[in-house]
Amino acid sequence: VQLQAFGGGLVQAGGFLRLSCAASGSRFNVNVMGWYRQAPGKQREFIALIGSRGRPDYVDSVKGRFIISRDNAKNTVYLQMNRLKPEDTGVYYCKLSTINPTEYYWGAGTQVTVSS
């Protein structure tokens, strides 16, 4: 399974970006899809995930600003990021888990930079 993320870039504080991550490869059953962020000098942290039935979960710092969604037909997960803050800056990675068998995959990451 390969994951390819798109949509990063440079934006001013208060602006918005939409990330997408598409999974491709041989036959697989997608379970949970999610996004993580690694800020400069910090460890990678959880941002949001969405289960196979569409139930989302978010880290407190992005609740009310970010929206995660998925298109199961396209094996794609999206992250709509609104009212961006400089502290949202980092490399955003998508993560996918499969079932039968249970496996985990990471995308290569896409840079998001929010200027103040």
N, C-alpha and C. Protein backbone atom coordinates (compact mmCIF):
# COMPACT_ATOMS: atom_id res chain seq x y z
N VAL A 1 0.86 -1.18 0.00
CA VAL A 1 0.00 0.00 0.00
C VAL A 1 0.90 1.24 0.00
N GLN A 2 0.60 2.17 -0.88
CA GLN A 2 1.33 3.43 -0.93
C GLN A 2 0.37 4.58 -0.63
N LEU A 3 0.86 5.54 0.13
CA LEU A 3 0.08 6.72 0.47
C LEU A 3 0.77 7.95 -0.12
N GLN A 4 -0.02 8.79 -0.77
CA GLN A 4 0.52 10.01 -1.33
C GLN A 4 -0.33 11.18 -0.86
N ALA A 5 0.33 12.14 -0.22
CA ALA A 5 -0.36 13.30 0.34
C ALA A 5 -0.15 14.52 -0.54
N PHE A 6 -1.18 15.36 -0.57
CA PHE A 6 -1.15 16.59 -1.36
C PHE A 6 -1.75 17.72 -0.54
N GLY A 7 -1.44 18.95 -0.93
CA GLY A 7 -2.16 20.08 -0.40
C GLY A 7 -1.42 20.97 0.57
N GLY A 8 -0.20 20.62 0.94
CA GLY A 8 0.54 21.49 1.85
C GLY A 8 0.95 22.78 1.17
N GLY A 9 1.46 23.70 1.97
CA GLY A 9 1.91 24.96 1.40
C GLY A 9 2.13 26.00 2.46
N LEU A 10 2.29 27.24 1.99
CA LEU A 10 2.50 28.39 2.88
C LEU A 10 1.23 29.23 2.91
N VAL A 11 0.79 29.56 4.10
CA VAL A 11 -0.44 30.33 4.25
C VAL A 11 -0.29 31.27 5.43
N GLN A 12 -0.99 32.39 5.38
CA GLN A 12 -0.96 33.32 6.50
C GLN A 12 -1.89 32.85 7.61
N ALA A 13 -1.59 33.26 8.82
CA ALA A 13 -2.45 32.94 9.96
C ALA A 13 -3.87 33.39 9.67
N GLY A 14 -4.81 32.53 10.04
CA GLY A 14 -6.22 32.80 9.75
C GLY A 14 -6.69 32.20 8.46
N GLY A 15 -5.76 31.73 7.64
CA GLY A 15 -6.11 31.16 6.35
C GLY A 15 -6.48 29.69 6.46
N PHE A 16 -6.58 29.04 5.30
CA PHE A 16 -7.00 27.65 5.29
C PHE A 16 -6.22 26.87 4.24
N LEU A 17 -6.16 25.58 4.45
CA LEU A 17 -5.59 24.63 3.51
C LEU A 17 -6.39 23.34 3.58
N ARG A 18 -6.36 22.59 2.49
CA ARG A 18 -7.00 21.28 2.48
C ARG A 18 -5.98 20.25 2.05
N LEU A 19 -5.74 19.29 2.93
CA LEU A 19 -4.83 18.20 2.63
C LEU A 19 -5.63 16.99 2.16
N SER A 20 -5.03 16.23 1.28
CA SER A 20 -5.63 14.97 0.87
C SER A 20 -4.55 13.90 0.85
N CYS A 21 -4.96 12.68 1.04
CA CYS A 21 -4.03 11.56 1.05
C CYS A 21 -4.74 10.36 0.43
N ALA A 22 -4.18 9.87 -0.66
CA ALA A 22 -4.79 8.77 -1.39
C ALA A 22 -3.95 7.50 -1.22
N ALA A 23 -4.64 6.41 -0.97
CA ALA A 23 -3.97 5.12 -0.83
C ALA A 23 -4.14 4.32 -2.11
N SER A 24 -3.09 3.64 -2.50
CA SER A 24 -3.14 2.81 -3.69
C SER A 24 -2.30 1.55 -3.46
N GLY A 25 -2.50 0.59 -4.31
CA GLY A 25 -1.73 -0.64 -4.19
C GLY A 25 -2.57 -1.86 -4.45
N SER A 26 -2.08 -2.99 -3.99
CA SER A 26 -2.81 -4.23 -4.19
C SER A 26 -4.01 -4.27 -3.25
N ARG A 27 -4.76 -5.30 -3.31
CA ARG A 27 -6.01 -5.38 -2.55
C ARG A 27 -5.76 -5.18 -1.06
N PHE A 28 -6.53 -4.28 -0.47
CA PHE A 28 -6.44 -4.04 0.95
C PHE A 28 -7.77 -3.52 1.45
N ASN A 29 -8.00 -3.71 2.74
CA ASN A 29 -9.23 -3.27 3.38
C ASN A 29 -8.90 -2.15 4.36
N VAL A 30 -9.28 -0.95 3.99
CA VAL A 30 -8.94 0.21 4.81
C VAL A 30 -9.80 0.25 6.06
N ASN A 31 -9.16 0.52 7.19
CA ASN A 31 -9.89 0.66 8.43
C ASN A 31 -9.87 2.13 8.85
N VAL A 32 -8.94 2.51 9.67
CA VAL A 32 -8.85 3.88 10.17
C VAL A 32 -7.86 4.67 9.31
N MET A 33 -8.22 5.92 9.06
CA MET A 33 -7.33 6.83 8.35
C MET A 33 -7.13 8.06 9.23
N GLY A 34 -5.92 8.59 9.21
CA GLY A 34 -5.67 9.72 10.11
C GLY A 34 -4.54 10.60 9.67
N TRP A 35 -4.36 11.66 10.41
CA TRP A 35 -3.32 12.65 10.16
C TRP A 35 -2.51 12.89 11.43
N TYR A 36 -1.22 13.05 11.24
CA TYR A 36 -0.29 13.38 12.31
C TYR A 36 0.55 14.57 11.86
N ARG A 37 1.13 15.23 12.82
CA ARG A 37 1.94 16.42 12.52
C ARG A 37 3.26 16.33 13.30
N GLN A 38 4.31 16.74 12.63
CA GLN A 38 5.61 16.85 13.30
C GLN A 38 6.12 18.27 13.12
N ALA A 39 6.12 19.01 14.21
CA ALA A 39 6.62 20.38 14.18
C ALA A 39 8.14 20.35 14.32
N PRO A 40 8.81 21.42 13.91
CA PRO A 40 10.28 21.45 14.00
C PRO A 40 10.75 21.22 15.43
N GLY A 41 11.64 20.25 15.60
CA GLY A 41 12.21 19.97 16.90
C GLY A 41 11.30 19.22 17.86
N LYS A 42 10.16 18.76 17.36
CA LYS A 42 9.21 18.07 18.23
C LYS A 42 8.90 16.68 17.68
N GLN A 43 8.31 15.87 18.53
CA GLN A 43 7.90 14.54 18.11
C GLN A 43 6.60 14.62 17.29
N ARG A 44 6.42 13.60 16.50
CA ARG A 44 5.19 13.50 15.72
C ARG A 44 4.01 13.35 16.68
N GLU A 45 2.93 14.07 16.39
CA GLU A 45 1.77 14.03 17.26
C GLU A 45 0.50 13.75 16.47
N PHE A 46 -0.44 13.16 17.15
CA PHE A 46 -1.74 12.87 16.56
C PHE A 46 -2.52 14.16 16.33
N ILE A 47 -3.20 14.27 15.17
CA ILE A 47 -4.05 15.41 14.88
C ILE A 47 -5.51 14.99 14.76
N ALA A 48 -5.79 14.02 13.91
CA ALA A 48 -7.18 13.61 13.68
C ALA A 48 -7.21 12.23 13.06
N LEU A 49 -8.32 11.53 13.30
CA LEU A 49 -8.53 10.26 12.63
C LEU A 49 -10.00 10.10 12.32
N ILE A 50 -10.28 9.18 11.42
CA ILE A 50 -11.66 8.89 11.07
C ILE A 50 -11.79 7.40 10.86
N GLY A 51 -12.76 6.82 11.51
CA GLY A 51 -12.96 5.39 11.43
C GLY A 51 -13.65 4.98 10.14
N SER A 52 -13.77 3.70 9.98
CA SER A 52 -14.36 3.16 8.75
C SER A 52 -15.81 3.57 8.56
N ARG A 53 -16.48 3.87 9.66
CA ARG A 53 -17.88 4.30 9.57
C ARG A 53 -18.02 5.81 9.60
N GLY A 54 -16.89 6.52 9.57
CA GLY A 54 -16.94 7.96 9.47
C GLY A 54 -16.90 8.73 10.76
N ARG A 55 -16.67 8.04 11.87
CA ARG A 55 -16.62 8.75 13.14
C ARG A 55 -15.26 9.41 13.31
N PRO A 56 -15.24 10.74 13.52
CA PRO A 56 -13.97 11.44 13.64
C PRO A 56 -13.52 11.60 15.10
N ASP A 57 -12.24 11.86 15.24
CA ASP A 57 -11.67 12.20 16.54
C ASP A 57 -10.55 13.19 16.29
N TYR A 58 -10.38 14.16 17.21
CA TYR A 58 -9.41 15.21 17.02
C TYR A 58 -8.63 15.46 18.30
N VAL A 59 -7.41 15.95 18.13
CA VAL A 59 -6.68 16.48 19.27
C VAL A 59 -7.35 17.80 19.66
N ASP A 60 -7.32 18.13 20.94
CA ASP A 60 -8.06 19.31 21.42
C ASP A 60 -7.64 20.59 20.70
N SER A 61 -6.39 20.71 20.34
CA SER A 61 -5.89 21.97 19.77
C SER A 61 -6.48 22.31 18.40
N VAL A 62 -7.08 21.33 17.73
CA VAL A 62 -7.63 21.60 16.39
C VAL A 62 -9.15 21.47 16.35
N LYS A 63 -9.76 21.09 17.45
CA LYS A 63 -11.21 20.94 17.47
C LYS A 63 -11.88 22.28 17.14
N GLY A 64 -12.87 22.22 16.26
CA GLY A 64 -13.56 23.42 15.84
C GLY A 64 -12.89 24.14 14.68
N ARG A 65 -11.67 23.74 14.33
CA ARG A 65 -10.96 24.38 13.21
C ARG A 65 -10.69 23.40 12.07
N PHE A 66 -10.38 22.16 12.39
CA PHE A 66 -10.04 21.16 11.38
C PHE A 66 -11.21 20.19 11.23
N ILE A 67 -11.38 19.71 10.01
CA ILE A 67 -12.40 18.71 9.72
C ILE A 67 -11.77 17.58 8.91
N ILE A 68 -11.88 16.37 9.42
CA ILE A 68 -11.37 15.21 8.70
C ILE A 68 -12.54 14.50 8.03
N SER A 69 -12.31 14.03 6.82
CA SER A 69 -13.35 13.30 6.08
C SER A 69 -12.66 12.25 5.21
N ARG A 70 -13.45 11.38 4.65
CA ARG A 70 -12.87 10.33 3.82
C ARG A 70 -13.82 9.97 2.69
N ASP A 71 -13.24 9.48 1.61
CA ASP A 71 -13.99 8.96 0.48
C ASP A 71 -13.58 7.51 0.33
N ASN A 72 -14.42 6.61 0.78
CA ASN A 72 -14.05 5.20 0.79
C ASN A 72 -13.88 4.64 -0.62
N ALA A 73 -14.64 5.15 -1.57
CA ALA A 73 -14.52 4.67 -2.95
C ALA A 73 -13.16 5.00 -3.54
N LYS A 74 -12.56 6.07 -3.06
CA LYS A 74 -11.25 6.51 -3.57
C LYS A 74 -10.13 6.20 -2.60
N ASN A 75 -10.44 5.57 -1.47
CA ASN A 75 -9.42 5.31 -0.44
C ASN A 75 -8.63 6.57 -0.12
N THR A 76 -9.35 7.64 0.05
CA THR A 76 -8.71 8.94 0.26
C THR A 76 -9.25 9.58 1.54
N VAL A 77 -8.33 10.21 2.27
CA VAL A 77 -8.70 10.94 3.47
C VAL A 77 -8.34 12.41 3.26
N TYR A 78 -9.15 13.29 3.79
CA TYR A 78 -8.95 14.73 3.64
C TYR A 78 -8.84 15.38 5.02
N LEU A 79 -8.15 16.50 5.05
CA LEU A 79 -8.09 17.30 6.27
C LEU A 79 -8.29 18.76 5.86
N GLN A 80 -9.45 19.29 6.16
CA GLN A 80 -9.74 20.69 5.94
C GLN A 80 -9.26 21.46 7.16
N MET A 81 -8.31 22.36 6.96
CA MET A 81 -7.73 23.10 8.06
C MET A 81 -8.11 24.56 7.92
N ASN A 82 -8.90 25.05 8.87
CA ASN A 82 -9.39 26.42 8.86
C ASN A 82 -8.79 27.21 10.01
N ARG A 83 -8.83 28.51 9.88
CA ARG A 83 -8.31 29.41 10.93
C ARG A 83 -6.94 28.94 11.41
N LEU A 84 -6.06 28.75 10.47
CA LEU A 84 -4.73 28.22 10.78
C LEU A 84 -3.95 29.18 11.65
N LYS A 85 -3.12 28.60 12.52
CA LYS A 85 -2.28 29.34 13.44
C LYS A 85 -0.82 28.99 13.16
N PRO A 86 0.10 29.87 13.53
CA PRO A 86 1.52 29.54 13.33
C PRO A 86 1.92 28.23 14.00
N GLU A 87 1.31 27.89 15.11
CA GLU A 87 1.64 26.64 15.79
C GLU A 87 1.13 25.41 15.05
N ASP A 88 0.37 25.59 13.99
CA ASP A 88 -0.03 24.46 13.15
C ASP A 88 1.06 24.08 12.15
N THR A 89 2.11 24.86 12.11
CA THR A 89 3.22 24.59 11.18
C THR A 89 3.86 23.25 11.47
N GLY A 90 4.17 22.53 10.42
CA GLY A 90 4.84 21.26 10.56
C GLY A 90 4.67 20.41 9.31
N VAL A 91 5.24 19.23 9.36
CA VAL A 91 5.03 18.26 8.30
C VAL A 91 3.86 17.37 8.69
N TYR A 92 2.90 17.29 7.81
CA TYR A 92 1.70 16.51 8.07
C TYR A 92 1.80 15.16 7.37
N TYR A 93 1.60 14.12 8.14
CA TYR A 93 1.68 12.76 7.64
C TYR A 93 0.30 12.09 7.73
N CYS A 94 -0.06 11.39 6.69
CA CYS A 94 -1.26 10.58 6.79
C CYS A 94 -0.88 9.16 7.18
N LYS A 95 -1.78 8.52 7.88
CA LYS A 95 -1.56 7.15 8.35
C LYS A 95 -2.81 6.35 8.06
N LEU A 96 -2.61 5.12 7.68
CA LEU A 96 -3.72 4.25 7.33
C LEU A 96 -3.53 2.91 8.02
N SER A 97 -4.60 2.37 8.53
CA SER A 97 -4.54 1.01 9.06
C SER A 97 -5.50 0.14 8.26
N THR A 98 -5.09 -1.08 8.04
CA THR A 98 -5.93 -2.04 7.32
C THR A 98 -6.40 -3.13 8.26
N ILE A 99 -7.37 -3.88 7.81
CA ILE A 99 -7.82 -5.05 8.55
C ILE A 99 -7.69 -6.29 7.67
N ASN A 100 -7.51 -7.43 8.31
CA ASN A 100 -7.41 -8.70 7.59
C ASN A 100 -6.40 -8.69 6.46
N PRO A 101 -5.10 -8.50 6.74
CA PRO A 101 -4.50 -8.41 8.09
C PRO A 101 -4.45 -6.97 8.59
N THR A 102 -4.18 -6.82 9.88
CA THR A 102 -3.99 -5.48 10.46
C THR A 102 -2.56 -5.02 10.17
N GLU A 103 -2.47 -3.94 9.42
CA GLU A 103 -1.17 -3.36 9.08
C GLU A 103 -1.30 -1.84 9.10
N TYR A 104 -0.15 -1.17 9.22
CA TYR A 104 -0.14 0.29 9.31
C TYR A 104 0.81 0.85 8.25
N TYR A 105 0.38 1.93 7.64
CA TYR A 105 1.17 2.57 6.59
C TYR A 105 1.20 4.08 6.83
N TRP A 106 2.34 4.67 6.49
CA TRP A 106 2.52 6.12 6.60
C TRP A 106 2.79 6.70 5.21
N GLY A 107 2.27 7.90 5.00
CA GLY A 107 2.62 8.65 3.81
C GLY A 107 3.93 9.40 4.03
N ALA A 108 4.44 10.01 2.99
CA ALA A 108 5.74 10.67 3.04
C ALA A 108 5.68 12.02 3.73
N GLY A 109 4.53 12.61 3.88
CA GLY A 109 4.43 13.90 4.55
C GLY A 109 4.33 15.06 3.58
N THR A 110 3.63 16.09 4.02
CA THR A 110 3.52 17.31 3.24
C THR A 110 3.69 18.49 4.19
N GLN A 111 4.47 19.48 3.77
CA GLN A 111 4.83 20.60 4.64
C GLN A 111 3.71 21.64 4.66
N VAL A 112 3.35 22.05 5.86
CA VAL A 112 2.41 23.16 6.06
C VAL A 112 3.13 24.23 6.88
N THR A 113 3.17 25.43 6.35
CA THR A 113 3.80 26.54 7.04
C THR A 113 2.80 27.67 7.18
N VAL A 114 2.58 28.10 8.42
CA VAL A 114 1.64 29.18 8.69
C VAL A 114 2.43 30.37 9.21
N SER A 115 2.39 31.46 8.46
CA SER A 115 3.13 32.65 8.86
C SER A 115 2.25 33.56 9.71
N SER A 116 2.89 34.26 10.61
CA SER A 116 2.14 35.16 11.51
C SER A 116 1.99 36.55 10.92
